[in-house]
Amino acid sequence: MDDMKDLMKMANSQYGIRTPLPENPVVAMAYVPYQQRGKMYCPEQGIVSGTLFPELNKPFCCGKGGR
């Protein structure tokens, strides 16, 4: 577990990457990170896309492999 803490500290100090995970994550527990506020669609595009957030826009493509 200390390896993960070291990795998270290095990512933050060298690259400015902050992890949205708990400070002491438990093995075999699922964690869903908090959404980071970033770019937003205009209201019209949000209605069309079903979300205001581009990173959550994951259109469903019918068929195998999205073909």
PDB file of N, CA and C in Angstrom:
ATOM      1  N   MET A   1       0.831  -1.189   0.000  1.00  0.00           N
ATOM      2  CA  MET A   1       0.000   0.000   0.000  1.00  0.00           C
ATOM      3  C   MET A   1       0.872   1.248   0.000  1.00  0.00           C
ATOM      4  N   ASP A   2       2.045   1.173   0.587  1.00  0.00           N
ATOM      5  CA  ASP A   2       2.932   2.331   0.608  1.00  0.00           C
ATOM      6  C   ASP A   2       3.392   2.702  -0.797  1.00  0.00           C
ATOM      7  N   ASP A   3       3.515   1.709  -1.683  1.00  0.00           N
ATOM      8  CA  ASP A   3       3.893   2.001  -3.064  1.00  0.00           C
ATOM      9  C   ASP A   3       2.867   2.911  -3.732  1.00  0.00           C
ATOM     10  N   MET A   4       1.584   2.674  -3.477  1.00  0.00           N
ATOM     11  CA  MET A   4       0.529   3.493  -4.062  1.00  0.00           C
ATOM     12  C   MET A   4       0.603   4.913  -3.519  1.00  0.00           C
ATOM     13  N   LYS A   5       0.834   5.057  -2.225  1.00  0.00           N
ATOM     14  CA  LYS A   5       0.953   6.395  -1.627  1.00  0.00           C
ATOM     15  C   LYS A   5       2.136   7.138  -2.236  1.00  0.00           C
ATOM     16  N   ASP A   6       3.251   6.430  -2.400  1.00  0.00           N
ATOM     17  CA  ASP A   6       4.436   7.055  -2.995  1.00  0.00           C
ATOM     18  C   ASP A   6       4.168   7.483  -4.426  1.00  0.00           C
ATOM     19  N   LEU A   7       3.465   6.646  -5.166  1.00  0.00           N
ATOM     20  CA  LEU A   7       3.138   6.964  -6.551  1.00  0.00           C
ATOM     21  C   LEU A   7       2.233   8.197  -6.628  1.00  0.00           C
ATOM     22  N   MET A   8       1.247   8.272  -5.742  1.00  0.00           N
ATOM     23  CA  MET A   8       0.336   9.413  -5.737  1.00  0.00           C
ATOM     24  C   MET A   8       1.068  10.693  -5.354  1.00  0.00           C
ATOM     25  N   LYS A   9       1.968  10.615  -4.383  1.00  0.00           N
ATOM     26  CA  LYS A   9       2.757  11.785  -3.989  1.00  0.00           C
ATOM     27  C   LYS A   9       3.653  12.251  -5.130  1.00  0.00           C
ATOM     28  N   MET A  10       4.289  11.311  -5.838  1.00  0.00           N
ATOM     29  CA  MET A  10       5.156  11.665  -6.956  1.00  0.00           C
ATOM     30  C   MET A  10       4.343  12.319  -8.077  1.00  0.00           C
ATOM     31  N   ALA A  11       3.190  11.761  -8.383  1.00  0.00           N
ATOM     32  CA  ALA A  11       2.346  12.325  -9.443  1.00  0.00           C
ATOM     33  C   ALA A  11       1.944  13.751  -9.094  1.00  0.00           C
ATOM     34  N   ASN A  12       1.643  14.002  -7.836  1.00  0.00           N
ATOM     35  CA  ASN A  12       1.245  15.338  -7.415  1.00  0.00           C
ATOM     36  C   ASN A  12       2.422  16.301  -7.449  1.00  0.00           C
ATOM     37  N   SER A  13       3.574  15.886  -6.927  1.00  0.00           N
ATOM     38  CA  SER A  13       4.706  16.798  -6.834  1.00  0.00           C
ATOM     39  C   SER A  13       5.374  17.051  -8.184  1.00  0.00           C
ATOM     40  N   GLN A  14       5.514  16.038  -9.018  1.00  0.00           N
ATOM     41  CA  GLN A  14       6.217  16.205 -10.283  1.00  0.00           C
ATOM     42  C   GLN A  14       5.324  16.699 -11.414  1.00  0.00           C
ATOM     43  N   TYR A  15       4.077  16.278 -11.409  1.00  0.00           N
ATOM     44  CA  TYR A  15       3.209  16.575 -12.537  1.00  0.00           C
ATOM     45  C   TYR A  15       1.979  17.397 -12.173  1.00  0.00           C
ATOM     46  N   GLY A  16       1.808  17.698 -10.908  1.00  0.00           N
ATOM     47  CA  GLY A  16       0.645  18.472 -10.491  1.00  0.00           C
ATOM     48  C   GLY A  16      -0.659  17.711 -10.603  1.00  0.00           C
ATOM     49  N   ILE A  17      -0.571  16.382 -10.656  1.00  0.00           N
ATOM     50  CA  ILE A  17      -1.767  15.550 -10.771  1.00  0.00           C
ATOM     51  C   ILE A  17      -2.285  15.267  -9.367  1.00  0.00           C
ATOM     52  N   ARG A  18      -3.535  15.637  -9.152  1.00  0.00           N
ATOM     53  CA  ARG A  18      -4.163  15.345  -7.866  1.00  0.00           C
ATOM     54  C   ARG A  18      -5.139  14.204  -8.067  1.00  0.00           C
ATOM     55  N   THR A  19      -5.064  13.242  -7.213  1.00  0.00           N
ATOM     56  CA  THR A  19      -5.952  12.097  -7.328  1.00  0.00           C
ATOM     57  C   THR A  19      -7.233  12.350  -6.534  1.00  0.00           C
ATOM     58  N   PRO A  20      -8.379  12.022  -7.105  1.00  0.00           N
ATOM     59  CA  PRO A  20      -9.630  12.180  -6.377  1.00  0.00           C
ATOM     60  C   PRO A  20      -9.956  10.981  -5.493  1.00  0.00           C
ATOM     61  N   LEU A  21      -9.016  10.061  -5.351  1.00  0.00           N
ATOM     62  CA  LEU A  21      -9.239   8.871  -4.534  1.00  0.00           C
ATOM     63  C   LEU A  21      -8.985   9.175  -3.062  1.00  0.00           C
ATOM     64  N   PRO A  22      -9.514   8.353  -2.163  1.00  0.00           N
ATOM     65  CA  PRO A  22      -9.259   8.533  -0.741  1.00  0.00           C
ATOM     66  C   PRO A  22      -7.760   8.440  -0.430  1.00  0.00           C
ATOM     67  N   GLU A  23      -7.352   9.072   0.655  1.00  0.00           N
ATOM     68  CA  GLU A  23      -5.938   9.056   1.034  1.00  0.00           C
ATOM     69  C   GLU A  23      -5.456   7.647   1.354  1.00  0.00           C
ATOM     70  N   ASN A  24      -6.306   6.861   1.991  1.00  0.00           N
ATOM     71  CA  ASN A  24      -5.954   5.490   2.359  1.00  0.00           C
ATOM     72  C   ASN A  24      -6.945   4.512   1.746  1.00  0.00           C
ATOM     73  N   PRO A  25      -6.843   4.253   0.437  1.00  0.00           N
ATOM     74  CA  PRO A  25      -7.805   3.344  -0.178  1.00  0.00           C
ATOM     75  C   PRO A  25      -7.652   1.916   0.346  1.00  0.00           C
ATOM     76  N   VAL A  26      -8.766   1.220   0.455  1.00  0.00           N
ATOM     77  CA  VAL A  26      -8.781  -0.156   0.948  1.00  0.00           C
ATOM     78  C   VAL A  26      -8.734  -1.092  -0.256  1.00  0.00           C
ATOM     79  N   VAL A  27      -7.948  -2.141  -0.154  1.00  0.00           N
ATOM     80  CA  VAL A  27      -7.823  -3.120  -1.225  1.00  0.00           C
ATOM     81  C   VAL A  27      -9.183  -3.776  -1.473  1.00  0.00           C
ATOM     82  N   ALA A  28      -9.502  -4.005  -2.738  1.00  0.00           N
ATOM     83  CA  ALA A  28     -10.718  -4.697  -3.193  1.00  0.00           C
ATOM     84  C   ALA A  28     -11.985  -3.880  -2.965  1.00  0.00           C
ATOM     85  N   MET A  29     -11.875  -2.581  -2.784  1.00  0.00           N
ATOM     86  CA  MET A  29     -13.039  -1.705  -2.667  1.00  0.00           C
ATOM     87  C   MET A  29     -13.092  -0.840  -3.915  1.00  0.00           C
ATOM     88  N   ALA A  30     -14.258  -0.687  -4.470  1.00  0.00           N
ATOM     89  CA  ALA A  30     -14.416   0.150  -5.660  1.00  0.00           C
ATOM     90  C   ALA A  30     -14.555   1.611  -5.242  1.00  0.00           C
ATOM     91  N   TYR A  31     -13.916   2.489  -5.974  1.00  0.00           N
ATOM     92  CA  TYR A  31     -13.997   3.918  -5.713  1.00  0.00           C
ATOM     93  C   TYR A  31     -14.369   4.632  -6.994  1.00  0.00           C
ATOM     94  N   VAL A  32     -15.313   5.518  -6.897  1.00  0.00           N
ATOM     95  CA  VAL A  32     -15.700   6.347  -8.026  1.00  0.00           C
ATOM     96  C   VAL A  32     -15.197   7.755  -7.725  1.00  0.00           C
ATOM     97  N   PRO A  33     -14.272   8.262  -8.538  1.00  0.00           N
ATOM     98  CA  PRO A  33     -13.707   9.579  -8.239  1.00  0.00           C
ATOM     99  C   PRO A  33     -14.745  10.684  -8.409  1.00  0.00           C
ATOM    100  N   TYR A  34     -14.571  11.751  -7.637  1.00  0.00           N
ATOM    101  CA  TYR A  34     -15.422  12.918  -7.788  1.00  0.00           C
ATOM    102  C   TYR A  34     -15.167  13.538  -9.151  1.00  0.00           C
ATOM    103  N   GLN A  35     -16.207  14.065  -9.739  1.00  0.00           N
ATOM    104  CA  GLN A  35     -16.044  14.720 -11.031  1.00  0.00           C
ATOM    105  C   GLN A  35     -15.327  16.045 -10.816  1.00  0.00           C
ATOM    106  N   GLN A  36     -14.306  16.277 -11.603  1.00  0.00           N
ATOM    107  CA  GLN A  36     -13.575  17.528 -11.552  1.00  0.00           C
ATOM    108  C   GLN A  36     -14.266  18.520 -12.479  1.00  0.00           C
ATOM    109  N   ARG A  37     -14.497  19.709 -11.988  1.00  0.00           N
ATOM    110  CA  ARG A  37     -15.163  20.700 -12.839  1.00  0.00           C
ATOM    111  C   ARG A  37     -14.199  21.177 -13.907  1.00  0.00           C
ATOM    112  N   GLY A  38     -14.635  21.106 -15.132  1.00  0.00           N
ATOM    113  CA  GLY A  38     -13.791  21.504 -16.249  1.00  0.00           C
ATOM    114  C   GLY A  38     -14.631  22.207 -17.292  1.00  0.00           C
ATOM    115  N   LYS A  39     -14.368  21.887 -18.544  1.00  0.00           N
ATOM    116  CA  LYS A  39     -15.135  22.484 -19.634  1.00  0.00           C
ATOM    117  C   LYS A  39     -16.600  22.078 -19.537  1.00  0.00           C
ATOM    118  N   MET A  40     -17.459  22.968 -20.011  1.00  0.00           N
ATOM    119  CA  MET A  40     -18.892  22.688 -20.044  1.00  0.00           C
ATOM    120  C   MET A  40     -19.440  23.079 -21.404  1.00  0.00           C
ATOM    121  N   TYR A  41     -20.404  22.275 -21.878  1.00  0.00           N
ATOM    122  CA  TYR A  41     -21.112  22.620 -23.096  1.00  0.00           C
ATOM    123  C   TYR A  41     -22.039  23.803 -22.821  1.00  0.00           C
ATOM    124  N   CYS A  42     -22.400  24.509 -23.885  1.00  0.00           N
ATOM    125  CA  CYS A  42     -23.456  25.510 -23.770  1.00  0.00           C
ATOM    126  C   CYS A  42     -24.760  24.746 -23.516  1.00  0.00           C
ATOM    127  N   PRO A  43     -25.783  25.406 -22.975  1.00  0.00           N
ATOM    128  CA  PRO A  43     -27.030  24.689 -22.668  1.00  0.00           C
ATOM    129  C   PRO A  43     -27.623  23.929 -23.859  1.00  0.00           C
ATOM    130  N   GLU A  44     -27.566  24.513 -25.048  1.00  0.00           N
ATOM    131  CA  GLU A  44     -28.135  23.850 -26.221  1.00  0.00           C
ATOM    132  C   GLU A  44     -27.404  22.544 -26.526  1.00  0.00           C
ATOM    133  N   GLN A  45     -26.075  22.567 -26.507  1.00  0.00           N
ATOM    134  CA  GLN A  45     -25.288  21.360 -26.761  1.00  0.00           C
ATOM    135  C   GLN A  45     -25.495  20.347 -25.639  1.00  0.00           C
ATOM    136  N   GLY A  46     -25.656  20.826 -24.412  1.00  0.00           N
ATOM    137  CA  GLY A  46     -25.920  19.936 -23.285  1.00  0.00           C
ATOM    138  C   GLY A  46     -27.207  19.159 -23.454  1.00  0.00           C
ATOM    139  N   ILE A  47     -28.246  19.838 -23.962  1.00  0.00           N
ATOM    140  CA  ILE A  47     -29.528  19.163 -24.199  1.00  0.00           C
ATOM    141  C   ILE A  47     -29.359  18.085 -25.272  1.00  0.00           C
ATOM    142  N   VAL A  48     -28.663  18.413 -26.343  1.00  0.00           N
ATOM    143  CA  VAL A  48     -28.460  17.464 -27.442  1.00  0.00           C
ATOM    144  C   VAL A  48     -27.625  16.270 -26.975  1.00  0.00           C
ATOM    145  N   SER A  49     -26.593  16.547 -26.176  1.00  0.00           N
ATOM    146  CA  SER A  49     -25.663  15.495 -25.730  1.00  0.00           C
ATOM    147  C   SER A  49     -26.167  14.718 -24.525  1.00  0.00           C
ATOM    148  N   GLY A  50     -27.103  15.299 -23.773  1.00  0.00           N
ATOM    149  CA  GLY A  50     -27.586  14.645 -22.565  1.00  0.00           C
ATOM    150  C   GLY A  50     -26.699  14.895 -21.365  1.00  0.00           C
ATOM    151  N   THR A  51     -25.715  15.781 -21.503  1.00  0.00           N
ATOM    152  CA  THR A  51     -24.821  16.148 -20.403  1.00  0.00           C
ATOM    153  C   THR A  51     -24.205  17.502 -20.704  1.00  0.00           C
ATOM    154  N   LEU A  52     -23.875  18.228 -19.665  1.00  0.00           N
ATOM    155  CA  LEU A  52     -23.174  19.504 -19.846  1.00  0.00           C
ATOM    156  C   LEU A  52     -21.669  19.315 -19.920  1.00  0.00           C
ATOM    157  N   PHE A  53     -21.198  18.132 -19.560  1.00  0.00           N
ATOM    158  CA  PHE A  53     -19.763  17.900 -19.421  1.00  0.00           C
ATOM    159  C   PHE A  53     -19.223  17.029 -20.559  1.00  0.00           C
ATOM    160  N   PRO A  54     -18.326  17.567 -21.391  1.00  0.00           N
ATOM    161  CA  PRO A  54     -17.802  16.802 -22.526  1.00  0.00           C
ATOM    162  C   PRO A  54     -17.172  15.465 -22.134  1.00  0.00           C
ATOM    163  N   GLU A  55     -16.509  15.404 -20.984  1.00  0.00           N
ATOM    164  CA  GLU A  55     -15.862  14.140 -20.600  1.00  0.00           C
ATOM    165  C   GLU A  55     -16.861  13.057 -20.238  1.00  0.00           C
ATOM    166  N   LEU A  56     -18.127  13.432 -20.013  1.00  0.00           N
ATOM    167  CA  LEU A  56     -19.170  12.437 -19.743  1.00  0.00           C
ATOM    168  C   LEU A  56     -19.969  12.084 -20.991  1.00  0.00           C
ATOM    169  N   ASN A  57     -19.671  12.722 -22.103  1.00  0.00           N
ATOM    170  CA  ASN A  57     -20.392  12.474 -23.342  1.00  0.00           C
ATOM    171  C   ASN A  57     -19.825  11.222 -23.998  1.00  0.00           C
ATOM    172  N   LYS A  58     -20.471  10.119 -23.757  1.00  0.00           N
ATOM    173  CA  LYS A  58     -20.059   8.821 -24.280  1.00  0.00           C
ATOM    174  C   LYS A  58     -21.206   8.236 -25.083  1.00  0.00           C
ATOM    175  N   PRO A  59     -21.358   8.670 -26.343  1.00  0.00           N
ATOM    176  CA  PRO A  59     -22.494   8.203 -27.144  1.00  0.00           C
ATOM    177  C   PRO A  59     -22.482   6.688 -27.318  1.00  0.00           C
ATOM    178  N   PHE A  60     -23.677   6.105 -27.287  1.00  0.00           N
ATOM    179  CA  PHE A  60     -23.812   4.674 -27.500  1.00  0.00           C
ATOM    180  C   PHE A  60     -23.892   4.421 -28.997  1.00  0.00           C
ATOM    181  N   CYS A  61     -23.017   3.579 -29.480  1.00  0.00           N
ATOM    182  CA  CYS A  61     -23.016   3.193 -30.897  1.00  0.00           C
ATOM    183  C   CYS A  61     -23.520   1.758 -30.980  1.00  0.00           C
ATOM    184  N   CYS A  62     -24.614   1.557 -31.652  1.00  0.00           N
ATOM    185  CA  CYS A  62     -25.219   0.221 -31.744  1.00  0.00           C
ATOM    186  C   CYS A  62     -24.299  -0.751 -32.470  1.00  0.00           C
ATOM    187  N   GLY A  63     -24.421  -1.990 -32.117  1.00  0.00           N
ATOM    188  CA  GLY A  63     -23.672  -3.032 -32.814  1.00  0.00           C
ATOM    189  C   GLY A  63     -22.376  -3.392 -32.119  1.00  0.00           C
ATOM    190  N   LYS A  64     -21.737  -4.389 -32.644  1.00  0.00           N
ATOM    191  CA  LYS A  64     -20.475  -4.865 -32.071  1.00  0.00           C
ATOM    192  C   LYS A  64     -19.345  -3.914 -32.421  1.00  0.00           C
ATOM    193  N   GLY A  65     -18.622  -3.512 -31.438  1.00  0.00           N
ATOM    194  CA  GLY A  65     -17.468  -2.652 -31.664  1.00  0.00           C
ATOM    195  C   GLY A  65     -17.818  -1.266 -32.174  1.00  0.00           C
ATOM    196  N   GLY A  66     -19.053  -0.825 -31.998  1.00  0.00           N
ATOM    197  CA  GLY A  66     -19.453   0.494 -32.425  1.00  0.00           C
ATOM    198  C   GLY A  66     -19.565   0.655 -33.928  1.00  0.00           C
ATOM    199  N   ARG A  67     -19.741  -0.416 -34.639  1.00  0.00           N
ATOM    200  CA  ARG A  67     -19.817  -0.329 -36.107  1.00  0.00           C
ATOM    201  C   ARG A  67     -21.206  -0.096 -36.592  1.00  0.00           C
TER     202      ARG A  67
END
